[in-house]
Amino acid sequence: MKLIENPWNGISGYNCFACSPDNPIGLHLTFAEEDDYVVSYWTPDQNFQGWLNTLHGGIICTLMDELAGWVVTHKLHTCGVTSQLNTKFKQRVDTTGGALKIRARLRETKRNLAFIDCEVLASDGTVCATAEAVYFTYPREVANTKFFLRTPDEANGK
């Protein structure tokens, strides 16, 4: 597993709810590459409940949407926005059950659309939710100028 560097760390105003390490109420996700997948491990707590000891469905969707976005960034080397997120909840996600594994992989691209398969797995490996994300992707120059996407070398001042 290879860790993925966050190219937005250190940029003034960067405060993503899902992946900024500095957002005081955020999820603080970090990412790694595992074969064709971008993966993240995250342990929910009671602040993210929808029902007693059950993770809110909106947070589950946020987790998968964020992983899909990182597939676009890491695998396609650009940025994009969510066009669709078609989610299926398979079983409840326990907020006391330990770390979740969230993973996503690129299934295909068509013109400027990326089709990404996502899933949330419980600590025992049970698939709790799946989604197909469709991302509208931008040309690299737009990713650089409007979304401040930097290569690891640019982020490190090289």
N, C-alpha and C. Protein backbone atom coordinates (compact mmCIF):
# COMPACT_ATOMS: atom_id res chain seq x y z
N MET A 1 0.85 -1.17 0.00
CA MET A 1 0.00 0.00 0.00
C MET A 1 0.90 1.24 0.00
N LYS A 2 0.59 2.17 -0.89
CA LYS A 2 1.38 3.39 -1.04
C LYS A 2 0.54 4.60 -0.63
N LEU A 3 1.03 5.37 0.34
CA LEU A 3 0.30 6.55 0.79
C LEU A 3 0.23 7.59 -0.33
N ILE A 4 -0.87 8.33 -0.37
CA ILE A 4 -1.07 9.38 -1.36
C ILE A 4 -0.94 10.72 -0.63
N GLU A 5 -0.07 11.56 -1.14
CA GLU A 5 0.12 12.88 -0.55
C GLU A 5 -1.03 13.81 -0.94
N ASN A 6 -1.51 14.58 0.01
CA ASN A 6 -2.59 15.53 -0.23
C ASN A 6 -2.00 16.79 -0.85
N PRO A 7 -2.30 17.07 -2.13
CA PRO A 7 -1.68 18.22 -2.80
C PRO A 7 -2.20 19.58 -2.33
N TRP A 8 -3.27 19.59 -1.53
CA TRP A 8 -3.84 20.86 -1.07
C TRP A 8 -3.38 21.27 0.32
N ASN A 9 -2.69 20.38 1.02
CA ASN A 9 -2.18 20.75 2.35
C ASN A 9 -1.32 21.99 2.24
N GLY A 10 -1.55 22.93 3.13
CA GLY A 10 -0.76 24.15 3.14
C GLY A 10 -1.30 25.27 2.29
N ILE A 11 -2.35 25.03 1.53
CA ILE A 11 -2.94 26.09 0.70
C ILE A 11 -3.92 26.89 1.56
N SER A 12 -3.76 28.19 1.58
CA SER A 12 -4.63 29.06 2.36
C SER A 12 -6.09 28.88 1.94
N GLY A 13 -6.95 28.67 2.92
CA GLY A 13 -8.37 28.52 2.66
C GLY A 13 -8.82 27.08 2.45
N TYR A 14 -7.89 26.14 2.36
CA TYR A 14 -8.24 24.73 2.17
C TYR A 14 -8.84 24.19 3.47
N ASN A 15 -10.12 23.79 3.41
CA ASN A 15 -10.82 23.36 4.63
C ASN A 15 -11.84 22.28 4.32
N CYS A 16 -11.51 21.36 3.42
CA CYS A 16 -12.45 20.32 3.02
C CYS A 16 -12.95 19.55 4.24
N PHE A 17 -14.26 19.38 4.33
CA PHE A 17 -14.87 18.65 5.44
C PHE A 17 -14.34 17.22 5.50
N ALA A 18 -14.10 16.61 4.36
CA ALA A 18 -13.71 15.20 4.34
C ALA A 18 -12.21 14.99 4.52
N CYS A 19 -11.37 15.82 3.89
CA CYS A 19 -9.94 15.47 3.87
C CYS A 19 -8.97 16.51 4.43
N SER A 20 -9.45 17.67 4.81
CA SER A 20 -8.51 18.64 5.40
C SER A 20 -8.11 18.18 6.80
N PRO A 21 -6.82 18.11 7.07
CA PRO A 21 -6.39 17.73 8.42
C PRO A 21 -6.65 18.84 9.44
N ASP A 22 -6.96 20.04 8.97
CA ASP A 22 -7.13 21.18 9.86
C ASP A 22 -8.58 21.55 10.13
N ASN A 23 -9.53 20.89 9.49
CA ASN A 23 -10.94 21.21 9.73
C ASN A 23 -11.34 20.63 11.09
N PRO A 24 -11.70 21.49 12.06
CA PRO A 24 -11.95 21.00 13.41
C PRO A 24 -13.14 20.04 13.53
N ILE A 25 -14.08 20.09 12.60
CA ILE A 25 -15.22 19.18 12.65
C ILE A 25 -15.20 18.18 11.50
N GLY A 26 -14.09 18.10 10.78
CA GLY A 26 -13.99 17.26 9.59
C GLY A 26 -13.70 15.81 9.89
N LEU A 27 -13.66 15.03 8.81
CA LEU A 27 -13.41 13.60 8.89
C LEU A 27 -11.93 13.25 8.91
N HIS A 28 -11.08 14.17 8.41
CA HIS A 28 -9.61 14.01 8.41
C HIS A 28 -9.16 12.75 7.68
N LEU A 29 -9.77 12.46 6.54
CA LEU A 29 -9.41 11.27 5.78
C LEU A 29 -8.02 11.40 5.18
N THR A 30 -7.31 10.29 5.17
CA THR A 30 -6.06 10.16 4.43
C THR A 30 -6.23 9.01 3.46
N PHE A 31 -5.34 8.93 2.47
CA PHE A 31 -5.58 8.02 1.36
C PHE A 31 -4.32 7.24 1.01
N ALA A 32 -4.56 6.07 0.43
CA ALA A 32 -3.47 5.24 -0.05
C ALA A 32 -3.93 4.56 -1.34
N GLU A 33 -2.94 4.09 -2.08
CA GLU A 33 -3.21 3.33 -3.29
C GLU A 33 -2.99 1.86 -2.98
N GLU A 34 -3.96 1.05 -3.33
CA GLU A 34 -3.89 -0.38 -3.11
C GLU A 34 -4.36 -1.06 -4.40
N ASP A 35 -3.39 -1.47 -5.22
CA ASP A 35 -3.69 -2.01 -6.55
C ASP A 35 -4.46 -0.97 -7.36
N ASP A 36 -5.64 -1.32 -7.87
CA ASP A 36 -6.43 -0.38 -8.68
C ASP A 36 -7.24 0.59 -7.82
N TYR A 37 -7.25 0.39 -6.52
CA TYR A 37 -8.11 1.15 -5.62
C TYR A 37 -7.38 2.32 -4.96
N VAL A 38 -8.17 3.35 -4.66
CA VAL A 38 -7.78 4.36 -3.68
C VAL A 38 -8.56 3.97 -2.42
N VAL A 39 -7.85 3.89 -1.29
CA VAL A 39 -8.47 3.42 -0.05
C VAL A 39 -8.25 4.42 1.07
N SER A 40 -9.14 4.36 2.04
CA SER A 40 -9.00 5.15 3.26
C SER A 40 -9.58 4.32 4.39
N TYR A 41 -9.01 4.48 5.57
CA TYR A 41 -9.53 3.85 6.78
C TYR A 41 -9.99 4.97 7.70
N TRP A 42 -11.18 4.80 8.24
CA TRP A 42 -11.75 5.85 9.09
C TRP A 42 -12.58 5.20 10.18
N THR A 43 -12.41 5.69 11.40
CA THR A 43 -13.17 5.16 12.53
C THR A 43 -14.23 6.18 12.93
N PRO A 44 -15.51 5.81 12.75
CA PRO A 44 -16.58 6.74 13.13
C PRO A 44 -16.71 6.83 14.65
N ASP A 45 -17.30 7.92 15.08
CA ASP A 45 -17.63 8.04 16.50
C ASP A 45 -19.08 8.50 16.62
N GLN A 46 -19.52 8.67 17.84
CA GLN A 46 -20.93 8.98 18.10
C GLN A 46 -21.37 10.33 17.52
N ASN A 47 -20.44 11.22 17.21
CA ASN A 47 -20.80 12.52 16.64
C ASN A 47 -21.34 12.40 15.22
N PHE A 48 -21.19 11.24 14.60
CA PHE A 48 -21.62 11.06 13.21
C PHE A 48 -22.82 10.10 13.11
N GLN A 49 -23.53 9.93 14.22
CA GLN A 49 -24.69 9.04 14.26
C GLN A 49 -25.86 9.61 13.47
N GLY A 50 -26.64 8.72 12.91
CA GLY A 50 -27.96 9.06 12.41
C GLY A 50 -28.99 8.53 13.39
N TRP A 51 -28.81 7.30 13.79
CA TRP A 51 -29.61 6.64 14.80
C TRP A 51 -28.65 6.07 15.82
N LEU A 52 -29.13 5.61 16.93
CA LEU A 52 -28.30 5.12 18.01
C LEU A 52 -27.24 4.12 17.50
N ASN A 53 -25.98 4.46 17.69
CA ASN A 53 -24.84 3.62 17.29
C ASN A 53 -24.83 3.27 15.80
N THR A 54 -25.47 4.09 14.98
CA THR A 54 -25.56 3.84 13.54
C THR A 54 -25.07 5.07 12.79
N LEU A 55 -24.13 4.86 11.89
CA LEU A 55 -23.56 5.96 11.11
C LEU A 55 -24.62 6.58 10.20
N HIS A 56 -24.67 7.89 10.17
CA HIS A 56 -25.62 8.63 9.34
C HIS A 56 -25.37 8.31 7.86
N GLY A 57 -26.45 8.09 7.12
CA GLY A 57 -26.33 7.78 5.69
C GLY A 57 -25.64 8.86 4.89
N GLY A 58 -25.82 10.10 5.28
CA GLY A 58 -25.15 11.21 4.59
C GLY A 58 -23.64 11.14 4.75
N ILE A 59 -23.18 10.70 5.90
CA ILE A 59 -21.74 10.53 6.12
C ILE A 59 -21.22 9.37 5.27
N ILE A 60 -21.99 8.30 5.18
CA ILE A 60 -21.60 7.17 4.33
C ILE A 60 -21.45 7.64 2.89
N CYS A 61 -22.40 8.43 2.41
CA CYS A 61 -22.31 8.97 1.05
C CYS A 61 -21.11 9.89 0.91
N THR A 62 -20.86 10.71 1.91
CA THR A 62 -19.69 11.60 1.88
C THR A 62 -18.41 10.81 1.76
N LEU A 63 -18.29 9.73 2.52
CA LEU A 63 -17.07 8.91 2.46
C LEU A 63 -16.84 8.37 1.05
N MET A 64 -17.88 7.83 0.44
CA MET A 64 -17.71 7.26 -0.90
C MET A 64 -17.48 8.35 -1.95
N ASP A 65 -18.18 9.46 -1.82
CA ASP A 65 -17.99 10.57 -2.76
C ASP A 65 -16.55 11.09 -2.68
N GLU A 66 -16.02 11.20 -1.48
CA GLU A 66 -14.65 11.70 -1.32
C GLU A 66 -13.64 10.74 -1.94
N LEU A 67 -13.83 9.45 -1.74
CA LEU A 67 -12.91 8.48 -2.34
C LEU A 67 -12.98 8.56 -3.86
N ALA A 68 -14.18 8.74 -4.40
CA ALA A 68 -14.31 8.88 -5.85
C ALA A 68 -13.54 10.10 -6.35
N GLY A 69 -13.64 11.20 -5.61
CA GLY A 69 -12.90 12.40 -5.99
C GLY A 69 -11.39 12.16 -5.99
N TRP A 70 -10.92 11.39 -5.03
CA TRP A 70 -9.48 11.09 -4.97
C TRP A 70 -9.06 10.13 -6.08
N VAL A 71 -9.97 9.30 -6.56
CA VAL A 71 -9.67 8.48 -7.74
C VAL A 71 -9.41 9.41 -8.92
N VAL A 72 -10.28 10.42 -9.09
CA VAL A 72 -10.10 11.38 -10.19
C VAL A 72 -8.76 12.09 -10.04
N THR A 73 -8.46 12.55 -8.83
CA THR A 73 -7.21 13.28 -8.61
C THR A 73 -5.98 12.39 -8.80
N HIS A 74 -6.01 11.22 -8.20
CA HIS A 74 -4.80 10.38 -8.19
C HIS A 74 -4.64 9.53 -9.45
N LYS A 75 -5.72 8.97 -9.94
CA LYS A 75 -5.61 8.07 -11.09
C LYS A 75 -5.68 8.82 -12.43
N LEU A 76 -6.48 9.90 -12.47
CA LEU A 76 -6.62 10.66 -13.72
C LEU A 76 -5.81 11.95 -13.73
N HIS A 77 -5.21 12.31 -12.59
CA HIS A 77 -4.33 13.48 -12.47
C HIS A 77 -5.03 14.78 -12.83
N THR A 78 -6.29 14.89 -12.38
CA THR A 78 -7.04 16.11 -12.61
C THR A 78 -8.06 16.26 -11.47
N CYS A 79 -8.98 17.17 -11.63
CA CYS A 79 -10.05 17.37 -10.65
C CYS A 79 -11.40 17.24 -11.35
N GLY A 80 -12.43 17.11 -10.56
CA GLY A 80 -13.76 17.02 -11.11
C GLY A 80 -14.80 17.32 -10.06
N VAL A 81 -16.04 17.24 -10.46
CA VAL A 81 -17.16 17.43 -9.54
C VAL A 81 -18.13 16.27 -9.72
N THR A 82 -18.83 15.96 -8.65
CA THR A 82 -19.79 14.87 -8.68
C THR A 82 -20.97 15.24 -9.56
N SER A 83 -21.26 14.36 -10.51
CA SER A 83 -22.44 14.52 -11.35
C SER A 83 -23.57 13.65 -10.82
N GLN A 84 -23.23 12.43 -10.39
CA GLN A 84 -24.19 11.51 -9.81
C GLN A 84 -23.50 10.67 -8.74
N LEU A 85 -24.26 10.29 -7.74
CA LEU A 85 -23.80 9.33 -6.74
C LEU A 85 -24.97 8.42 -6.44
N ASN A 86 -24.93 7.24 -7.03
CA ASN A 86 -26.02 6.28 -6.89
C ASN A 86 -25.64 5.27 -5.82
N THR A 87 -26.26 5.39 -4.66
CA THR A 87 -25.85 4.65 -3.47
C THR A 87 -26.83 3.54 -3.14
N LYS A 88 -26.26 2.41 -2.70
CA LYS A 88 -27.06 1.29 -2.17
C LYS A 88 -26.54 0.98 -0.77
N PHE A 89 -27.44 1.05 0.19
CA PHE A 89 -27.10 0.72 1.57
C PHE A 89 -27.42 -0.75 1.77
N LYS A 90 -26.41 -1.54 2.10
CA LYS A 90 -26.58 -2.99 2.24
C LYS A 90 -26.91 -3.39 3.67
N GLN A 91 -26.31 -2.71 4.64
CA GLN A 91 -26.59 -2.96 6.05
C GLN A 91 -26.14 -1.75 6.85
N ARG A 92 -26.61 -1.65 8.07
CA ARG A 92 -26.25 -0.50 8.91
C ARG A 92 -24.76 -0.53 9.20
N VAL A 93 -24.22 0.66 9.42
CA VAL A 93 -22.81 0.81 9.78
C VAL A 93 -22.77 1.20 11.26
N ASP A 94 -22.16 0.34 12.06
CA ASP A 94 -22.09 0.53 13.51
C ASP A 94 -21.00 1.55 13.83
N THR A 95 -21.36 2.57 14.60
CA THR A 95 -20.36 3.59 14.99
C THR A 95 -19.45 3.12 16.10
N THR A 96 -19.70 1.93 16.64
CA THR A 96 -18.84 1.39 17.70
C THR A 96 -18.07 0.17 17.22
N GLY A 97 -18.09 -0.10 15.93
CA GLY A 97 -17.52 -1.34 15.40
C GLY A 97 -16.10 -1.25 14.90
N GLY A 98 -15.41 -0.14 15.14
CA GLY A 98 -14.02 -0.02 14.71
C GLY A 98 -13.89 0.65 13.35
N ALA A 99 -12.70 0.55 12.80
CA ALA A 99 -12.37 1.25 11.56
C ALA A 99 -13.11 0.68 10.36
N LEU A 100 -13.55 1.59 9.51
CA LEU A 100 -14.15 1.24 8.23
C LEU A 100 -13.08 1.31 7.16
N LYS A 101 -13.25 0.52 6.13
CA LYS A 101 -12.40 0.63 4.94
C LYS A 101 -13.29 1.18 3.84
N ILE A 102 -12.88 2.29 3.27
CA ILE A 102 -13.62 2.88 2.16
C ILE A 102 -12.70 2.76 0.95
N ARG A 103 -13.23 2.28 -0.15
CA ARG A 103 -12.37 2.15 -1.33
C ARG A 103 -13.16 2.45 -2.60
N ALA A 104 -12.41 2.89 -3.60
CA ALA A 104 -13.02 3.24 -4.88
C ALA A 104 -12.03 2.96 -5.99
N ARG A 105 -12.57 2.63 -7.16
CA ARG A 105 -11.72 2.38 -8.32
C ARG A 105 -12.41 2.88 -9.59
N LEU A 106 -11.59 3.28 -10.51
CA LEU A 106 -12.10 3.75 -11.80
C LEU A 106 -12.57 2.56 -12.62
N ARG A 107 -13.82 2.59 -13.04
CA ARG A 107 -14.34 1.54 -13.91
C ARG A 107 -14.13 1.88 -15.38
N GLU A 108 -14.46 3.15 -15.75
CA GLU A 108 -14.26 3.56 -17.14
C GLU A 108 -14.37 5.08 -17.24
N THR A 109 -13.88 5.59 -18.35
CA THR A 109 -14.07 7.00 -18.68
C THR A 109 -14.73 7.08 -20.06
N LYS A 110 -15.56 8.08 -20.22
CA LYS A 110 -16.18 8.40 -21.51
C LYS A 110 -16.12 9.90 -21.64
N ARG A 111 -15.34 10.35 -22.62
CA ARG A 111 -15.09 11.78 -22.80
C ARG A 111 -14.63 12.38 -21.47
N ASN A 112 -15.37 13.30 -20.92
CA ASN A 112 -14.95 13.95 -19.67
C ASN A 112 -15.71 13.40 -18.45
N LEU A 113 -16.25 12.21 -18.55
CA LEU A 113 -16.94 11.58 -17.43
C LEU A 113 -16.13 10.38 -16.93
N ALA A 114 -16.03 10.29 -15.62
CA ALA A 114 -15.37 9.15 -14.98
C ALA A 114 -16.42 8.37 -14.21
N PHE A 115 -16.46 7.06 -14.41
CA PHE A 115 -17.39 6.17 -13.72
C PHE A 115 -16.59 5.39 -12.68
N ILE A 116 -16.97 5.56 -11.43
CA ILE A 116 -16.15 5.06 -10.33
C ILE A 116 -17.01 4.20 -9.41
N ASP A 117 -16.51 3.01 -9.08
CA ASP A 117 -17.18 2.11 -8.15
C ASP A 117 -16.62 2.32 -6.76
N CYS A 118 -17.50 2.47 -5.77
CA CYS A 118 -17.12 2.76 -4.38
C CYS A 118 -17.78 1.77 -3.45
N GLU A 119 -17.14 1.56 -2.29
CA GLU A 119 -17.77 0.75 -1.26
C GLU A 119 -17.23 1.08 0.11
N VAL A 120 -18.07 0.82 1.10
CA VAL A 120 -17.72 0.97 2.51
C VAL A 120 -17.79 -0.42 3.13
N LEU A 121 -16.69 -0.83 3.77
CA LEU A 121 -16.63 -2.14 4.40
C LEU A 121 -16.46 -1.99 5.91
N ALA A 122 -17.18 -2.81 6.67
CA ALA A 122 -17.03 -2.85 8.12
C ALA A 122 -15.68 -3.45 8.47
N SER A 123 -15.30 -3.35 9.72
CA SER A 123 -13.99 -3.86 10.15
C SER A 123 -13.84 -5.36 9.92
N ASP A 124 -14.95 -6.09 9.82
CA ASP A 124 -14.86 -7.52 9.54
C ASP A 124 -14.88 -7.84 8.05
N GLY A 125 -14.88 -6.80 7.20
CA GLY A 125 -14.84 -6.98 5.75
C GLY A 125 -16.20 -7.02 5.08
N THR A 126 -17.27 -6.96 5.85
CA THR A 126 -18.62 -6.96 5.29
C THR A 126 -18.86 -5.67 4.52
N VAL A 127 -19.39 -5.80 3.30
CA VAL A 127 -19.73 -4.62 2.50
C VAL A 127 -21.03 -4.04 3.05
N CYS A 128 -20.96 -2.80 3.52
CA CYS A 128 -22.12 -2.13 4.11
C CYS A 128 -22.84 -1.22 3.13
N ALA A 129 -22.11 -0.64 2.18
CA ALA A 129 -22.72 0.27 1.21
C ALA A 129 -21.87 0.27 -0.06
N THR A 130 -22.52 0.48 -1.17
CA THR A 130 -21.83 0.62 -2.45
C THR A 130 -22.38 1.84 -3.17
N ALA A 131 -21.61 2.34 -4.11
CA ALA A 131 -22.09 3.46 -4.93
C ALA A 131 -21.39 3.45 -6.27
N GLU A 132 -22.09 3.94 -7.25
CA GLU A 132 -21.48 4.28 -8.52
C GLU A 132 -21.45 5.80 -8.56
N ALA A 133 -20.26 6.34 -8.65
CA ALA A 133 -20.11 7.79 -8.77
C ALA A 133 -19.81 8.12 -10.22
N VAL A 134 -20.42 9.16 -10.70
CA VAL A 134 -20.09 9.70 -12.03
C VAL A 134 -19.54 11.09 -11.78
N TYR A 135 -18.32 11.30 -12.21
CA TYR A 135 -17.65 12.59 -12.04
C TYR A 135 -17.47 13.26 -13.38
N PHE A 136 -17.79 14.55 -13.41
CA PHE A 136 -17.44 15.40 -14.54
C PHE A 136 -16.00 15.84 -14.29
N THR A 137 -15.09 15.53 -15.19
CA THR A 137 -13.68 15.85 -14.99
C THR A 137 -13.28 17.05 -15.84
N TYR A 138 -12.33 17.79 -15.31
CA TYR A 138 -11.83 19.00 -15.96
C TYR A 138 -10.49 18.73 -16.64
N PRO A 139 -10.18 19.51 -17.68
CA PRO A 139 -8.83 19.44 -18.24
C PRO A 139 -7.80 19.82 -17.17
N ARG A 140 -6.60 19.30 -17.30
CA ARG A 140 -5.56 19.52 -16.28
C ARG A 140 -5.31 21.00 -16.02
N GLU A 141 -5.32 21.83 -17.06
CA GLU A 141 -5.05 23.26 -16.85
C GLU A 141 -6.13 23.91 -15.98
N VAL A 142 -7.38 23.44 -16.09
CA VAL A 142 -8.45 23.95 -15.22
C VAL A 142 -8.21 23.45 -13.79
N ALA A 143 -7.80 22.20 -13.65
CA ALA A 143 -7.50 21.65 -12.32
C ALA A 143 -6.41 22.47 -11.64
N ASN A 144 -5.42 22.90 -12.42
CA ASN A 144 -4.33 23.71 -11.86
C ASN A 144 -4.79 25.11 -11.48
N THR A 145 -5.53 25.77 -12.36
CA THR A 145 -5.86 27.18 -12.14
C THR A 145 -7.06 27.39 -11.22
N LYS A 146 -8.10 26.57 -11.35
CA LYS A 146 -9.32 26.77 -10.56
C LYS A 146 -9.37 25.94 -9.29
N PHE A 147 -8.68 24.79 -9.29
CA PHE A 147 -8.74 23.88 -8.14
C PHE A 147 -7.38 23.75 -7.43
N PHE A 148 -6.40 24.48 -7.91
CA PHE A 148 -5.07 24.54 -7.27
C PHE A 148 -4.43 23.16 -7.13
N LEU A 149 -4.69 22.27 -8.08
CA LEU A 149 -4.08 20.94 -8.05
C LEU A 149 -2.59 21.07 -8.35
N ARG A 150 -1.78 20.51 -7.47
CA ARG A 150 -0.33 20.55 -7.63
C ARG A 150 0.20 19.13 -7.65
N THR A 151 1.24 18.91 -8.43
CA THR A 151 1.92 17.63 -8.39
C THR A 151 2.66 17.52 -7.07
N PRO A 152 3.06 16.32 -6.64
CA PRO A 152 3.85 16.21 -5.40
C PRO A 152 5.11 17.07 -5.43
N ASP A 153 5.78 17.17 -6.59
CA ASP A 153 6.97 18.02 -6.70
C ASP A 153 6.64 19.49 -6.49
N GLU A 154 5.53 19.94 -7.09
CA GLU A 154 5.10 21.33 -6.92
C GLU A 154 4.74 21.60 -5.46
N ALA A 155 4.07 20.64 -4.82
CA ALA A 155 3.67 20.81 -3.43
C ALA A 155 4.89 20.89 -2.51
N ASN A 156 5.97 20.23 -2.91
CA ASN A 156 7.20 20.23 -2.10
C ASN A 156 8.19 21.31 -2.52
N GLY A 157 7.75 22.23 -3.40
CA GLY A 157 8.58 23.35 -3.81
C GLY A 157 9.70 23.00 -4.77
N LYS A 158 9.58 21.91 -5.49
CA LYS A 158 10.60 21.50 -6.46
C LYS A 158 10.30 22.01 -7.84
